Amino acid sequence: MTLPRQIPVGARIVVRITDGVDPTDGRMKFRDFVGHVVSWDGYTLEMVRDAAANGSRPAQNVTIHQEQIATLKPVPERPHVKPRP
C-alpha cells in the first residue's frame, strides 16, 4: 500500500495491520486500530486508540511502524449519544 506523506494531527483513522500467519489455517491475520493521529513521520504512526464503545477497553497510546500497515483510511467521529437519566 502507498502510504500518505502527511496525516493531519487529530484526524480519526482506521489502520489495519498485519498480525502474522495463523499456524492453524495458514492464513494471514489482521488487527484494526481506530483512533486519532498524534504524529506521522512517514515511518512511525503515533495514535491514541479510541476506548471501546462498550467500556471494555480504555483509550490507549499506540505506535505502529509503516511496514506493519496493510491499509489506512479516514473514518468519521462517533456520534455523540446523550446518556439516559
N, C-alpha and C. Protein backbone atom coordinates (compact mmCIF):
# COMPACT_ATOMS: atom_id res chain seq x y z
N MET A 1 0.85 -1.18 0.00
CA MET A 1 0.00 0.00 0.00
C MET A 1 0.89 1.24 0.00
N THR A 2 0.49 2.23 -0.79
CA THR A 2 1.18 3.51 -0.78
C THR A 2 0.63 4.35 0.36
N LEU A 3 1.49 4.72 1.27
CA LEU A 3 1.06 5.49 2.44
C LEU A 3 1.18 6.98 2.16
N PRO A 4 0.30 7.78 2.79
CA PRO A 4 0.36 9.23 2.57
C PRO A 4 1.62 9.83 3.18
N ARG A 5 2.07 10.93 2.59
CA ARG A 5 3.23 11.65 3.13
C ARG A 5 2.87 12.36 4.42
N GLN A 6 1.65 12.87 4.49
CA GLN A 6 1.21 13.60 5.67
C GLN A 6 -0.16 13.09 6.11
N ILE A 7 -0.34 13.05 7.42
CA ILE A 7 -1.65 12.77 8.01
C ILE A 7 -1.86 13.85 9.05
N PRO A 8 -2.94 14.60 8.97
CA PRO A 8 -3.14 15.70 9.91
C PRO A 8 -3.27 15.19 11.36
N VAL A 9 -2.62 15.90 12.26
CA VAL A 9 -2.75 15.60 13.68
C VAL A 9 -4.22 15.76 14.07
N GLY A 10 -4.74 14.81 14.82
CA GLY A 10 -6.13 14.86 15.26
C GLY A 10 -7.10 14.15 14.33
N ALA A 11 -6.63 13.76 13.14
CA ALA A 11 -7.51 13.04 12.21
C ALA A 11 -7.89 11.69 12.81
N ARG A 12 -9.15 11.29 12.64
CA ARG A 12 -9.60 9.97 13.11
C ARG A 12 -9.47 9.00 11.95
N ILE A 13 -8.70 7.93 12.18
CA ILE A 13 -8.42 6.98 11.12
C ILE A 13 -8.62 5.55 11.63
N VAL A 14 -8.73 4.63 10.67
CA VAL A 14 -8.66 3.20 10.98
C VAL A 14 -7.42 2.67 10.27
N VAL A 15 -6.61 1.94 11.02
CA VAL A 15 -5.39 1.35 10.48
C VAL A 15 -5.51 -0.16 10.64
N ARG A 16 -5.35 -0.89 9.55
CA ARG A 16 -5.32 -2.36 9.61
C ARG A 16 -3.86 -2.78 9.50
N ILE A 17 -3.40 -3.56 10.49
CA ILE A 17 -2.02 -4.03 10.47
C ILE A 17 -1.99 -5.54 10.27
N THR A 18 -0.88 -6.01 9.73
CA THR A 18 -0.68 -7.45 9.60
C THR A 18 -0.28 -7.99 10.97
N ASP A 19 -0.83 -9.14 11.31
CA ASP A 19 -0.60 -9.73 12.63
C ASP A 19 0.00 -11.13 12.51
N GLY A 20 0.59 -11.42 11.36
CA GLY A 20 1.26 -12.70 11.16
C GLY A 20 0.35 -13.76 10.57
N VAL A 21 0.94 -14.89 10.29
CA VAL A 21 0.22 -16.02 9.70
C VAL A 21 -0.25 -16.95 10.82
N ASP A 22 -1.52 -17.31 10.76
CA ASP A 22 -2.09 -18.24 11.74
C ASP A 22 -1.53 -19.64 11.46
N PRO A 23 -0.87 -20.27 12.46
CA PRO A 23 -0.29 -21.59 12.22
C PRO A 23 -1.34 -22.67 11.98
N THR A 24 -2.56 -22.45 12.44
CA THR A 24 -3.62 -23.45 12.28
C THR A 24 -4.12 -23.53 10.85
N ASP A 25 -4.45 -22.36 10.27
CA ASP A 25 -5.03 -22.38 8.92
C ASP A 25 -4.11 -21.81 7.84
N GLY A 26 -2.96 -21.27 8.22
CA GLY A 26 -2.00 -20.76 7.24
C GLY A 26 -2.38 -19.44 6.60
N ARG A 27 -3.42 -18.78 7.13
CA ARG A 27 -3.89 -17.52 6.55
C ARG A 27 -3.33 -16.34 7.32
N MET A 28 -3.10 -15.23 6.60
CA MET A 28 -2.64 -14.00 7.23
C MET A 28 -3.75 -13.46 8.12
N LYS A 29 -3.39 -12.98 9.30
CA LYS A 29 -4.34 -12.39 10.23
C LYS A 29 -4.06 -10.90 10.33
N PHE A 30 -5.10 -10.13 10.60
CA PHE A 30 -5.02 -8.68 10.67
C PHE A 30 -5.63 -8.19 11.97
N ARG A 31 -5.25 -6.97 12.35
CA ARG A 31 -5.81 -6.32 13.54
C ARG A 31 -6.11 -4.87 13.16
N ASP A 32 -7.24 -4.35 13.60
CA ASP A 32 -7.64 -2.97 13.30
C ASP A 32 -7.49 -2.08 14.52
N PHE A 33 -7.04 -0.85 14.27
CA PHE A 33 -6.93 0.17 15.30
C PHE A 33 -7.68 1.40 14.80
N VAL A 34 -8.59 1.92 15.61
CA VAL A 34 -9.33 3.14 15.28
C VAL A 34 -8.97 4.17 16.33
N GLY A 35 -8.57 5.35 15.87
CA GLY A 35 -8.22 6.38 16.83
C GLY A 35 -7.79 7.66 16.14
N HIS A 36 -7.15 8.54 16.93
CA HIS A 36 -6.77 9.87 16.47
C HIS A 36 -5.25 9.97 16.37
N VAL A 37 -4.80 10.55 15.26
CA VAL A 37 -3.38 10.68 14.98
C VAL A 37 -2.74 11.69 15.93
N VAL A 38 -1.60 11.29 16.49
CA VAL A 38 -0.77 12.19 17.30
C VAL A 38 0.38 12.67 16.43
N SER A 39 1.01 11.75 15.68
CA SER A 39 2.07 12.15 14.76
C SER A 39 2.29 11.06 13.71
N TRP A 40 2.83 11.49 12.57
CA TRP A 40 3.16 10.59 11.47
C TRP A 40 4.36 11.20 10.74
N ASP A 41 5.47 10.48 10.69
CA ASP A 41 6.67 10.97 10.01
C ASP A 41 6.97 10.20 8.73
N GLY A 42 6.02 9.39 8.28
CA GLY A 42 6.21 8.58 7.10
C GLY A 42 6.72 7.18 7.41
N TYR A 43 7.17 6.98 8.65
CA TYR A 43 7.70 5.68 9.08
C TYR A 43 7.02 5.15 10.33
N THR A 44 6.68 6.05 11.23
CA THR A 44 6.07 5.66 12.51
C THR A 44 4.81 6.48 12.73
N LEU A 45 3.72 5.77 13.01
CA LEU A 45 2.44 6.41 13.30
C LEU A 45 2.20 6.32 14.81
N GLU A 46 2.01 7.45 15.43
CA GLU A 46 1.64 7.52 16.84
C GLU A 46 0.17 7.92 16.86
N MET A 47 -0.64 7.16 17.59
CA MET A 47 -2.06 7.49 17.67
C MET A 47 -2.61 7.12 19.04
N VAL A 48 -3.74 7.73 19.36
CA VAL A 48 -4.48 7.36 20.57
C VAL A 48 -5.65 6.53 20.10
N ARG A 49 -5.61 5.24 20.43
CA ARG A 49 -6.67 4.31 20.05
C ARG A 49 -7.91 4.64 20.88
N ASP A 50 -9.05 4.71 20.21
CA ASP A 50 -10.31 5.01 20.89
C ASP A 50 -10.62 3.94 21.93
N ALA A 51 -11.24 4.36 23.01
CA ALA A 51 -11.74 3.41 24.00
C ALA A 51 -12.86 2.60 23.35
N ALA A 52 -13.04 1.38 23.81
CA ALA A 52 -14.12 0.55 23.28
C ALA A 52 -15.47 1.20 23.61
N ALA A 53 -16.39 1.13 22.67
CA ALA A 53 -17.70 1.75 22.86
C ALA A 53 -18.46 1.15 24.03
N ASN A 54 -18.20 -0.12 24.33
CA ASN A 54 -18.91 -0.77 25.44
C ASN A 54 -18.17 -0.63 26.77
N GLY A 55 -17.05 0.08 26.77
CA GLY A 55 -16.32 0.32 28.00
C GLY A 55 -15.37 -0.79 28.40
N SER A 56 -15.19 -1.79 27.55
CA SER A 56 -14.35 -2.94 27.91
C SER A 56 -12.85 -2.65 27.79
N ARG A 57 -12.46 -1.57 27.06
CA ARG A 57 -11.06 -1.23 26.90
C ARG A 57 -10.90 0.29 26.95
N PRO A 58 -9.99 0.80 27.77
CA PRO A 58 -9.76 2.24 27.80
C PRO A 58 -8.99 2.70 26.56
N ALA A 59 -8.91 4.00 26.37
CA ALA A 59 -8.10 4.55 25.28
C ALA A 59 -6.65 4.14 25.51
N GLN A 60 -5.90 3.96 24.42
CA GLN A 60 -4.51 3.51 24.51
C GLN A 60 -3.63 4.31 23.55
N ASN A 61 -2.40 4.60 23.98
CA ASN A 61 -1.41 5.16 23.08
C ASN A 61 -0.80 4.00 22.31
N VAL A 62 -0.73 4.14 20.97
CA VAL A 62 -0.27 3.05 20.11
C VAL A 62 0.79 3.60 19.16
N THR A 63 1.85 2.81 18.95
CA THR A 63 2.87 3.11 17.95
C THR A 63 2.83 2.01 16.90
N ILE A 64 2.68 2.42 15.63
CA ILE A 64 2.61 1.47 14.53
C ILE A 64 3.67 1.85 13.51
N HIS A 65 4.49 0.88 13.10
CA HIS A 65 5.54 1.13 12.12
C HIS A 65 4.99 0.88 10.71
N GLN A 66 5.49 1.62 9.76
CA GLN A 66 4.93 1.61 8.40
C GLN A 66 4.94 0.24 7.76
N GLU A 67 5.89 -0.63 8.09
CA GLU A 67 5.91 -1.95 7.46
C GLU A 67 4.80 -2.86 7.96
N GLN A 68 4.15 -2.51 9.08
CA GLN A 68 3.03 -3.27 9.61
C GLN A 68 1.71 -2.89 8.95
N ILE A 69 1.62 -1.71 8.36
CA ILE A 69 0.35 -1.17 7.88
C ILE A 69 -0.07 -1.84 6.57
N ALA A 70 -1.27 -2.45 6.61
CA ALA A 70 -1.86 -3.04 5.41
C ALA A 70 -2.76 -2.03 4.71
N THR A 71 -3.62 -1.35 5.48
CA THR A 71 -4.49 -0.29 4.95
C THR A 71 -4.64 0.81 5.99
N LEU A 72 -5.01 1.97 5.50
CA LEU A 72 -5.20 3.13 6.36
C LEU A 72 -6.23 4.02 5.68
N LYS A 73 -7.25 4.46 6.43
CA LYS A 73 -8.23 5.36 5.83
C LYS A 73 -8.90 6.20 6.91
N PRO A 74 -9.39 7.38 6.53
CA PRO A 74 -10.10 8.23 7.50
C PRO A 74 -11.48 7.65 7.80
N VAL A 75 -11.95 7.88 9.01
CA VAL A 75 -13.30 7.47 9.41
C VAL A 75 -13.95 8.62 10.17
N PRO A 76 -15.28 8.71 10.13
CA PRO A 76 -15.97 9.80 10.83
C PRO A 76 -15.92 9.59 12.34
N GLU A 77 -16.11 10.69 13.05
CA GLU A 77 -16.20 10.63 14.51
C GLU A 77 -17.41 9.81 14.92
N ARG A 78 -17.34 9.24 16.12
CA ARG A 78 -18.50 8.53 16.67
C ARG A 78 -19.60 9.54 16.94
N PRO A 79 -20.86 9.13 16.76
CA PRO A 79 -21.95 10.04 17.12
C PRO A 79 -21.98 10.23 18.63
N HIS A 80 -22.31 11.41 19.06
CA HIS A 80 -22.41 11.69 20.49
C HIS A 80 -23.80 11.31 20.96
N VAL A 81 -23.87 10.34 21.83
CA VAL A 81 -25.14 9.88 22.35
C VAL A 81 -25.25 10.36 23.80
N LYS A 82 -26.36 11.02 24.09
CA LYS A 82 -26.58 11.50 25.46
C LYS A 82 -26.98 10.33 26.35
N PRO A 83 -26.35 10.21 27.52
CA PRO A 83 -26.73 9.13 28.43
C PRO A 83 -28.15 9.33 28.95
N ARG A 84 -28.84 8.22 29.15
CA ARG A 84 -30.19 8.30 29.69
C ARG A 84 -30.13 8.58 31.18
N PRO A 85 -31.09 9.38 31.67
CA PRO A 85 -31.09 9.70 33.11
C PRO A 85 -31.49 8.54 33.97
